[in-house]
C-alpha atoms as a PDB file:
ATOM      1  CA  MET A   1     116.711  -7.668 138.031  1.00  0.00           C
ATOM      2  CA  HIS A   2     119.787  -7.794 135.704  1.00  0.00           C
ATOM      3  CA  PRO A   3     119.181  -6.188 132.372  1.00  0.00           C
ATOM      4  CA  ILE A   4     119.947  -9.306 130.350  1.00  0.00           C
ATOM      5  CA  ILE A   5     117.631 -11.457 132.173  1.00  0.00           C
ATOM      6  CA  ALA A   6     114.811  -8.841 132.136  1.00  0.00           C
ATOM      7  CA  LYS A   7     115.249  -8.421 128.249  1.00  0.00           C
ATOM      8  CA  THR A   8     115.165 -12.234 127.685  1.00  0.00           C
ATOM      9  CA  PHE A   9     113.139 -14.102 130.266  1.00  0.00           C
ATOM     10  CA  GLY A  10     110.791 -11.045 130.659  1.00  0.00           C
ATOM     11  CA  GLY A  11     110.323 -10.803 126.829  1.00  0.00           C
ATOM     12  CA  LEU A  12     106.999 -12.926 126.803  1.00  0.00           C
ATOM     13  CA  SER A  13     103.835 -11.617 128.270  1.00  0.00           C
ATOM     14  CA  ALA A  14     102.915 -13.192 131.465  1.00  0.00           C
ATOM     15  CA  SER A  15      99.646 -14.633 130.064  1.00  0.00           C
ATOM     16  CA  TYR A  16     101.598 -16.230 127.112  1.00  0.00           C
ATOM     17  CA  TYR A  17     104.178 -17.666 129.434  1.00  0.00           C
ATOM     18  CA  PHE A  18     101.630 -19.147 131.848  1.00  0.00           C
ATOM     19  CA  ARG A  19      99.339 -20.488 129.153  1.00  0.00           C
ATOM     20  CA  HIS A  20     102.220 -22.499 127.676  1.00  0.00           C
ATOM     21  CA  LEU A  21     103.655 -23.312 130.964  1.00  0.00           C
ATOM     22  CA  VAL A  22     100.408 -25.080 131.785  1.00  0.00           C
ATOM     23  CA  PHE A  23     100.369 -26.833 128.548  1.00  0.00           C
ATOM     24  CA  GLY A  24     104.007 -27.842 128.769  1.00  0.00           C
ATOM     25  CA  ALA A  25     103.545 -29.127 132.331  1.00  0.00           C
ATOM     26  CA  MET A  26     101.266 -31.874 131.118  1.00  0.00           C
ATOM     27  CA  PHE A  27     104.072 -33.894 129.478  1.00  0.00           C
ATOM     28  CA  PRO A  28     106.106 -34.472 132.627  1.00  0.00           C
ATOM     29  CA  ILE A  29     102.899 -34.999 134.590  1.00  0.00           C
ATOM     30  CA  PHE A  30     101.984 -37.805 132.214  1.00  0.00           C
ATOM     31  CA  MET A  31     105.372 -39.188 132.070  1.00  0.00           C
ATOM     32  CA  PHE A  32     105.712 -39.243 135.942  1.00  0.00           C
ATOM     33  CA  LEU A  33     102.277 -40.908 136.202  1.00  0.00           C
ATOM     34  CA  ILE A  34     103.211 -43.758 133.651  1.00  0.00           C
ATOM     35  CA  LEU A  35     106.507 -44.240 135.425  1.00  0.00           C
ATOM     36  CA  HIS A  36     104.671 -44.491 138.722  1.00  0.00           C
ATOM     37  CA  GLN A  37     102.206 -46.936 137.340  1.00  0.00           C
ATOM     38  CA  SER A  38     105.037 -49.168 136.067  1.00  0.00           C
ATOM     39  CA  ASN A  39     106.805 -49.091 139.361  1.00  0.00           C
ATOM     40  CA  ARG A  40     109.849 -47.482 137.907  1.00  0.00           C
ATOM     41  CA  SER A  41     111.984 -45.170 139.973  1.00  0.00           C
ATOM     42  CA  LEU A  42     112.374 -41.502 139.143  1.00  0.00           C
ATOM     43  CA  GLN A  43     115.839 -40.461 138.604  1.00  0.00           C
ATOM     44  CA  ILE A  44     116.871 -37.083 139.761  1.00  0.00           C
ATOM     45  CA  SER A  45     118.435 -36.202 136.312  1.00  0.00           C
ATOM     46  CA  MET A  46     115.019 -37.016 134.610  1.00  0.00           C
ATOM     47  CA  VAL A  47     113.101 -34.858 137.121  1.00  0.00           C
ATOM     48  CA  LEU A  48     115.746 -31.918 136.624  1.00  0.00           C
ATOM     49  CA  MET A  49     115.504 -32.230 132.898  1.00  0.00           C
ATOM     50  CA  ALA A  50     111.671 -32.347 132.970  1.00  0.00           C
ATOM     51  CA  ILE A  51     111.699 -29.246 135.158  1.00  0.00           C
ATOM     52  CA  VAL A  52     114.101 -27.345 132.789  1.00  0.00           C
ATOM     53  CA  ASN A  53     112.172 -28.395 129.707  1.00  0.00           C
ATOM     54  CA  THR A  54     108.889 -27.292 131.211  1.00  0.00           C
ATOM     55  CA  LEU A  55     110.240 -23.889 132.239  1.00  0.00           C
ATOM     56  CA  LEU A  56     111.775 -23.336 128.784  1.00  0.00           C
ATOM     57  CA  TYR A  57     108.785 -24.708 126.705  1.00  0.00           C
ATOM     58  CA  PRO A  58     107.011 -21.328 126.491  1.00  0.00           C
ATOM     59  CA  TYR A  59     110.287 -19.889 124.711  1.00  0.00           C
ATOM     60  CA  ALA A  60     110.667 -22.914 122.594  1.00  0.00           C
ATOM     61  CA  ARG A  61     106.936 -22.742 121.532  1.00  0.00           C
ATOM     62  CA  PHE A  62     107.433 -19.047 120.777  1.00  0.00           C
ATOM     63  CA  VAL A  63     110.122 -19.987 118.242  1.00  0.00           C
ATOM     64  CA  TYR A  64     107.954 -22.606 116.658  1.00  0.00           C
ATOM     65  CA  GLU A  65     105.055 -20.220 116.339  1.00  0.00           C
ATOM     66  CA  SER A  66     107.301 -17.355 115.074  1.00  0.00           C
ATOM     67  CA  ILE A  67     108.630 -19.641 112.393  1.00  0.00           C
ATOM     68  CA  MET A  68     105.145 -21.006 111.406  1.00  0.00           C
ATOM     69  CA  ASP A  69     103.751 -17.484 111.162  1.00  0.00           C
ATOM     70  CA  PHE A  70     106.480 -16.596 108.856  1.00  0.00           C
ATOM     71  CA  ILE A  71     105.996 -19.562 106.621  1.00  0.00           C
ATOM     72  CA  LEU A  72     102.317 -19.623 106.603  1.00  0.00           C
ATOM     73  CA  GLY A  73     101.570 -15.873 107.006  1.00  0.00           C
ATOM     74  CA  LYS A  74      97.862 -15.187 107.902  1.00  0.00           C
ATOM     75  CA  ASN A  75      96.458 -18.068 105.716  1.00  0.00           C
ATOM     76  CA  VAL A  76      93.687 -20.268 107.068  1.00  0.00           C
ATOM     77  CA  PHE A  77      93.506 -23.930 106.378  1.00  0.00           C
ATOM     78  CA  PHE A  78      90.603 -26.163 106.803  1.00  0.00           C
ATOM     79  CA  VAL A  79      91.401 -29.632 107.836  1.00  0.00           C
ATOM     80  CA  ASN A  80      90.111 -32.591 109.819  1.00  0.00           C
ATOM     81  CA  ALA A  81      89.810 -31.546 113.484  1.00  0.00           C
ATOM     82  CA  LEU A  82      91.264 -34.917 114.815  1.00  0.00           C
ATOM     83  CA  LEU A  83      94.271 -34.622 112.300  1.00  0.00           C
ATOM     84  CA  MET A  84      94.841 -31.015 113.506  1.00  0.00           C
ATOM     85  CA  LEU A  85      94.718 -31.960 117.212  1.00  0.00           C
ATOM     86  CA  ALA A  86      97.143 -34.849 116.678  1.00  0.00           C
ATOM     87  CA  MET A  87      99.531 -32.579 114.818  1.00  0.00           C
ATOM     88  CA  LYS A  88      99.260 -29.945 117.491  1.00  0.00           C
ATOM     89  CA  LEU A  89      99.849 -32.500 120.298  1.00  0.00           C
ATOM     90  CA  MET A  90     102.968 -33.760 118.357  1.00  0.00           C
ATOM     91  CA  THR A  91     104.485 -30.464 117.852  1.00  0.00           C
ATOM     92  CA  MET A  92     103.924 -29.552 121.565  1.00  0.00           C
ATOM     93  CA  LEU A  93     105.662 -32.765 122.562  1.00  0.00           C
ATOM     94  CA  LEU A  94     108.500 -31.992 120.149  1.00  0.00           C
ATOM     95  CA  CYS A  95     108.859 -28.402 121.398  1.00  0.00           C
ATOM     96  CA  TRP A  96     108.946 -29.649 125.012  1.00  0.00           C
ATOM     97  CA  ALA A  97     111.331 -32.450 124.446  1.00  0.00           C
ATOM     98  CA  PHE A  98     113.706 -30.105 122.591  1.00  0.00           C
ATOM     99  CA  ALA A  99     113.114 -27.105 124.561  1.00  0.00           C
ATOM    100  CA  ILE A 100     116.588 -27.062 126.149  1.00  0.00           C
ATOM    101  CA  PHE A 101     117.976 -26.620 122.593  1.00  0.00           C
ATOM    102  CA  VAL A 102     115.240 -24.460 120.874  1.00  0.00           C
ATOM    103  CA  ALA A 103     114.499 -22.016 123.710  1.00  0.00           C
ATOM    104  CA  PRO A 104     117.950 -20.270 123.555  1.00  0.00           C
ATOM    105  CA  VAL A 105     117.155 -19.236 120.009  1.00  0.00           C
ATOM    106  CA  GLY A 106     113.942 -17.650 121.373  1.00  0.00           C
ATOM    107  CA  LEU A 107     115.621 -16.169 124.212  1.00  0.00           C
ATOM    108  CA  ALA A 108     118.589 -14.478 121.996  1.00  0.00           C
ATOM    109  CA  TYR A 109     115.621 -13.173 119.662  1.00  0.00           C
ATOM    110  CA  LEU A 110     113.861 -11.614 122.553  1.00  0.00           C
ATOM    111  CA  TYR A 111     116.906 -10.132 123.874  1.00  0.00           C
ATOM    112  CA  PHE A 112     117.840  -8.446 120.646  1.00  0.00           C
ATOM    113  CA  ARG A 113     114.177  -7.395 119.927  1.00  0.00           C
ATOM    114  CA  ARG A 114     114.056  -5.650 123.248  1.00  0.00           C
ATOM    115  CA  ARG A 115     117.346  -3.798 123.052  1.00  0.00           C
END
C-alpha cells in the first residue's frame, strides 16, 4: 500500500471506522427508502455522492469529535436525553452531508500526525 494512503486512510482504528461507517450508512439507506416510497428514480450521481459521503463520514466525524474535545475538554454536561439525541442526530447528519468537504481536513491531520 502506498505510504500516503496508509498514513491517511489507515489513521483511524478499524473499530472506530466500522462503528461510524455503520452509523453513516443509515442516512443513505433512509434517503433511498424515502425515494423508493415516493416512486422517484435514483440518479447515479446521487448514489455515487451517497457512497462517497458514507465512506468519508468516519473521517468527518473524527474532525468534529476532535474539535468538540478541544472546545469542551473532559467536562460532563447533564441535559435532557431527547434533546441530546436530537442534537447528536443533527450533528451526525451534518457530518455525513458535508463529509466530502470536512473529511480532507481529518485525512490531512492523520497524515501529519503519523509522519
